[in-house]
Each structure stands twice: as C-alpha cells, then as structure tokens.
C-alpha cells in the first residue's frame, strides 16, 4: 500500500511565506489614474471632489497639447492632464465619480498599476 505524506510547513516557513505575500500585494496595491480635462479649472474641481471623498490621496496636473481623432476629423487642443494616486480597490469608485462630473462625452480615464516604496504606500493607506 502506498504511503501518503503531508508537507506541513514549520512556523518560520509560514511567517516567511505570509510576509512575502504581503509585500507582493503592497507592490501592486497602488495605481495611477491618468485623466484629461478641457482646462485646469475643471481638473481642479474634479480632483478636489475626489480628495474630499477620500478616493484619491494626491494628484499632479500639467498642461498638454493633444492631437486626436474626433468624429472623423483630426483635432488639436490644449488640455490639462492629471495623474491621480490611489489604491487599486478605489479604481471603480474613482472611475464612476469622474464619469459622473466630467464634461467630456467620452473622458480619458486610464488605470496604470504602480509600485511604491513602503513608506509612501503606508502613507497612502493611512490617509485614504
């Protein structure tokens, strides 16, 4: 009759595995959300609403020139871009909130997964 052996991890092996798993989760826990707006005033309004609801922790804004296809024409315009910083678990809420108050018919709302160092990630988790 064959014998069945079970591999039971020793306590220090379990701790190491859990610690490694926690670090991996933290590494992909943060996201950037790239959003375009018609101007800085609109960007500021939407960003402040997200900050007040604690959906994002921080935002960087900057002016850009955009060239894009719209209704079968090539258009050029000045816009404002933001990079919003938040947690992966807030993605759906942030996306819905932006879409609700954004003036564009089809706003650019793009999620980018990011890795943060431990201190910065802890600051995000503590303040959201």
C-alpha atoms as a PDB file:
ATOM      1  CA  UNK A   1       0.000   0.000   0.000  1.00  0.00           C
ATOM      2  CA  UNK A   2       1.427   3.464  -0.894  1.00  0.00           C
ATOM      3  CA  UNK A   3       2.027   5.849   1.979  1.00  0.00           C
ATOM      4  CA  UNK A   4       0.724   9.402   1.918  1.00  0.00           C
ATOM      5  CA  UNK A   5       2.992  12.137   3.238  1.00  0.00           C
ATOM      6  CA  UNK A   6       1.767  15.610   4.040  1.00  0.00           C
ATOM      7  CA  UNK A   7       4.167  18.513   3.901  1.00  0.00           C
ATOM      8  CA  UNK A   8       3.393  20.691   6.890  1.00  0.00           C
ATOM      9  CA  UNK A   9       5.298  23.992   6.913  1.00  0.00           C
ATOM     10  CA  UNK A  10       7.218  24.882  10.029  1.00  0.00           C
ATOM     11  CA  UNK A  11       6.153  28.109  11.821  1.00  0.00           C
ATOM     12  CA  UNK A  12       9.071  30.177  10.472  1.00  0.00           C
ATOM     13  CA  UNK A  13       8.312  28.974   6.926  1.00  0.00           C
ATOM     14  CA  UNK A  14       4.687  30.117   7.219  1.00  0.00           C
ATOM     15  CA  UNK A  15       5.772  33.502   8.547  1.00  0.00           C
ATOM     16  CA  UNK A  16       8.211  33.971   5.676  1.00  0.00           C
ATOM     17  CA  UNK A  17       5.570  32.997   3.114  1.00  0.00           C
ATOM     18  CA  UNK A  18       2.976  35.365   4.585  1.00  0.00           C
ATOM     19  CA  UNK A  19       5.493  38.189   4.754  1.00  0.00           C
ATOM     20  CA  UNK A  20       6.480  37.680   1.122  1.00  0.00           C
ATOM     21  CA  UNK A  21       2.814  37.579   0.072  1.00  0.00           C
ATOM     22  CA  UNK A  22       2.068  40.807   1.955  1.00  0.00           C
ATOM     23  CA  UNK A  23       4.929  42.577   0.188  1.00  0.00           C
ATOM     24  CA  UNK A  24       3.741  41.370  -3.210  1.00  0.00           C
ATOM     25  CA  UNK A  25       0.225  42.641  -2.512  1.00  0.00           C
ATOM     26  CA  UNK A  26       1.554  46.035  -1.382  1.00  0.00           C
ATOM     27  CA  UNK A  27       3.638  46.334  -4.530  1.00  0.00           C
ATOM     28  CA  UNK A  28       0.579  46.205  -6.810  1.00  0.00           C
ATOM     29  CA  UNK A  29      -1.799  47.889  -4.403  1.00  0.00           C
ATOM     30  CA  UNK A  30      -1.193  51.404  -5.748  1.00  0.00           C
ATOM     31  CA  UNK A  31      -2.456  52.717  -9.066  1.00  0.00           C
ATOM     32  CA  UNK A  32      -2.111  55.905 -11.061  1.00  0.00           C
ATOM     33  CA  UNK A  33      -5.149  57.146 -12.931  1.00  0.00           C
ATOM     34  CA  UNK A  34      -4.390  59.283 -15.981  1.00  0.00           C
ATOM     35  CA  UNK A  35      -7.211  61.715 -16.834  1.00  0.00           C
ATOM     36  CA  UNK A  36      -7.542  64.527 -19.386  1.00  0.00           C
ATOM     37  CA  UNK A  37      -9.694  67.659 -18.916  1.00  0.00           C
ATOM     38  CA  UNK A  38     -10.555  70.680 -21.077  1.00  0.00           C
ATOM     39  CA  UNK A  39      -8.792  73.070 -18.651  1.00  0.00           C
ATOM     40  CA  UNK A  40      -7.198  73.428 -15.223  1.00  0.00           C
ATOM     41  CA  UNK A  41     -10.396  74.772 -13.613  1.00  0.00           C
ATOM     42  CA  UNK A  42     -12.293  71.578 -14.496  1.00  0.00           C
ATOM     43  CA  UNK A  43      -9.390  69.371 -13.401  1.00  0.00           C
ATOM     44  CA  UNK A  44      -9.174  71.174 -10.065  1.00  0.00           C
ATOM     45  CA  UNK A  45     -12.939  70.819  -9.460  1.00  0.00           C
ATOM     46  CA  UNK A  46     -12.930  67.067 -10.131  1.00  0.00           C
ATOM     47  CA  UNK A  47      -9.707  66.413  -8.214  1.00  0.00           C
ATOM     48  CA  UNK A  48     -10.965  68.298  -5.152  1.00  0.00           C
ATOM     49  CA  UNK A  49     -14.207  66.276  -5.220  1.00  0.00           C
ATOM     50  CA  UNK A  50     -12.184  63.045  -5.290  1.00  0.00           C
ATOM     51  CA  UNK A  51      -9.914  64.234  -2.460  1.00  0.00           C
ATOM     52  CA  UNK A  52     -12.886  65.281  -0.305  1.00  0.00           C
ATOM     53  CA  UNK A  53     -14.427  61.815  -0.738  1.00  0.00           C
ATOM     54  CA  UNK A  54     -11.034  60.226   0.098  1.00  0.00           C
ATOM     55  CA  UNK A  55     -10.989  58.366  -3.209  1.00  0.00           C
ATOM     56  CA  UNK A  56      -7.524  59.661  -4.145  1.00  0.00           C
ATOM     57  CA  UNK A  57      -4.588  60.690  -1.984  1.00  0.00           C
ATOM     58  CA  UNK A  58      -2.813  63.073  -4.355  1.00  0.00           C
ATOM     59  CA  UNK A  59      -2.898  64.466  -7.888  1.00  0.00           C
ATOM     60  CA  UNK A  60      -0.356  66.019 -10.211  1.00  0.00           C
ATOM     61  CA  UNK A  61      -1.586  68.269 -13.010  1.00  0.00           C
ATOM     62  CA  UNK A  62       0.122  69.698 -16.053  1.00  0.00           C
ATOM     63  CA  UNK A  63      -0.862  71.385 -19.332  1.00  0.00           C
ATOM     64  CA  UNK A  64      -0.563  69.386 -22.552  1.00  0.00           C
ATOM     65  CA  UNK A  65      -1.237  69.754 -26.232  1.00  0.00           C
ATOM     66  CA  UNK A  66      -3.425  66.986 -27.630  1.00  0.00           C
ATOM     67  CA  UNK A  67      -3.890  65.736 -31.188  1.00  0.00           C
ATOM     68  CA  UNK A  68      -6.673  63.195 -31.659  1.00  0.00           C
ATOM     69  CA  UNK A  69      -9.353  61.878 -33.989  1.00  0.00           C
ATOM     70  CA  UNK A  70     -12.880  63.006 -33.108  1.00  0.00           C
ATOM     71  CA  UNK A  71     -15.989  62.493 -35.258  1.00  0.00           C
ATOM     72  CA  UNK A  72     -13.844  61.548 -38.264  1.00  0.00           C
ATOM     73  CA  UNK A  73     -11.648  64.665 -38.062  1.00  0.00           C
ATOM     74  CA  UNK A  74      -8.187  65.227 -36.682  1.00  0.00           C
ATOM     75  CA  UNK A  75      -8.418  67.780 -33.884  1.00  0.00           C
ATOM     76  CA  UNK A  76      -5.844  69.697 -31.841  1.00  0.00           C
ATOM     77  CA  UNK A  77      -6.472  71.297 -28.469  1.00  0.00           C
ATOM     78  CA  UNK A  78      -4.890  72.368 -25.216  1.00  0.00           C
ATOM     79  CA  UNK A  79      -5.885  70.255 -22.247  1.00  0.00           C
ATOM     80  CA  UNK A  80      -4.914  69.601 -18.653  1.00  0.00           C
ATOM     81  CA  UNK A  81      -3.814  66.135 -17.562  1.00  0.00           C
ATOM     82  CA  UNK A  82      -3.848  64.729 -14.067  1.00  0.00           C
ATOM     83  CA  UNK A  83      -2.136  61.739 -12.597  1.00  0.00           C
ATOM     84  CA  UNK A  84      -4.235  60.639  -9.641  1.00  0.00           C
ATOM     85  CA  UNK A  85      -2.721  58.408  -6.952  1.00  0.00           C
ATOM     86  CA  UNK A  86      -4.899  55.914  -5.132  1.00  0.00           C
ATOM     87  CA  UNK A  87      -5.290  52.257  -4.236  1.00  0.00           C
ATOM     88  CA  UNK A  88      -6.346  49.528  -6.628  1.00  0.00           C
ATOM     89  CA  UNK A  89      -9.503  48.933  -4.584  1.00  0.00           C
ATOM     90  CA  UNK A  90     -10.687  52.508  -5.299  1.00  0.00           C
ATOM     91  CA  UNK A  91     -10.469  52.181  -9.114  1.00  0.00           C
ATOM     92  CA  UNK A  92     -14.162  51.532  -9.827  1.00  0.00           C
ATOM     93  CA  UNK A  93     -15.352  54.267  -7.432  1.00  0.00           C
ATOM     94  CA  UNK A  94     -12.930  56.848  -8.849  1.00  0.00           C
ATOM     95  CA  UNK A  95     -13.829  55.972 -12.435  1.00  0.00           C
ATOM     96  CA  UNK A  96     -17.575  56.310 -11.727  1.00  0.00           C
ATOM     97  CA  UNK A  97     -17.146  59.592  -9.842  1.00  0.00           C
ATOM     98  CA  UNK A  98     -15.064  61.148 -12.638  1.00  0.00           C
ATOM     99  CA  UNK A  99     -17.503  59.986 -15.334  1.00  0.00           C
ATOM    100  CA  UNK A 100     -20.395  61.444 -13.344  1.00  0.00           C
ATOM    101  CA  UNK A 101     -18.997  65.008 -13.235  1.00  0.00           C
ATOM    102  CA  UNK A 102     -16.624  65.168 -16.225  1.00  0.00           C
ATOM    103  CA  UNK A 103     -17.770  67.454 -19.092  1.00  0.00           C
ATOM    104  CA  UNK A 104     -16.392  65.263 -21.925  1.00  0.00           C
ATOM    105  CA  UNK A 105     -18.782  62.870 -23.632  1.00  0.00           C
ATOM    106  CA  UNK A 106     -16.022  60.220 -23.539  1.00  0.00           C
ATOM    107  CA  UNK A 107     -13.425  61.181 -20.915  1.00  0.00           C
ATOM    108  CA  UNK A 108      -9.971  59.609 -20.952  1.00  0.00           C
ATOM    109  CA  UNK A 109      -9.717  57.688 -17.657  1.00  0.00           C
ATOM    110  CA  UNK A 110      -6.843  55.196 -17.705  1.00  0.00           C
ATOM    111  CA  UNK A 111      -5.615  52.964 -14.862  1.00  0.00           C
ATOM    112  CA  UNK A 112      -1.868  52.307 -14.559  1.00  0.00           C
ATOM    113  CA  UNK A 113      -0.608  49.834 -11.961  1.00  0.00           C
ATOM    114  CA  UNK A 114       2.352  51.113  -9.973  1.00  0.00           C
ATOM    115  CA  UNK A 115       4.770  50.055  -7.263  1.00  0.00           C
ATOM    116  CA  UNK A 116       5.512  52.391  -4.365  1.00  0.00           C
ATOM    117  CA  UNK A 117       8.144  52.188  -1.697  1.00  0.00           C
ATOM    118  CA  UNK A 118       6.995  51.009   1.717  1.00  0.00           C
ATOM    119  CA  UNK A 119       6.902  54.453   3.411  1.00  0.00           C
ATOM    120  CA  UNK A 120       4.880  56.048   0.617  1.00  0.00           C
ATOM    121  CA  UNK A 121       2.455  53.115   0.440  1.00  0.00           C
ATOM    122  CA  UNK A 122       1.939  53.246   4.214  1.00  0.00           C
ATOM    123  CA  UNK A 123       1.239  56.998   3.940  1.00  0.00           C
ATOM    124  CA  UNK A 124      -1.398  56.309   1.276  1.00  0.00           C
ATOM    125  CA  UNK A 125      -3.067  53.575   3.321  1.00  0.00           C
ATOM    126  CA  UNK A 126      -3.048  55.712   6.463  1.00  0.00           C
ATOM    127  CA  UNK A 127      -4.571  58.780   4.803  1.00  0.00           C
ATOM    128  CA  UNK A 128      -7.204  57.460   2.407  1.00  0.00           C
END
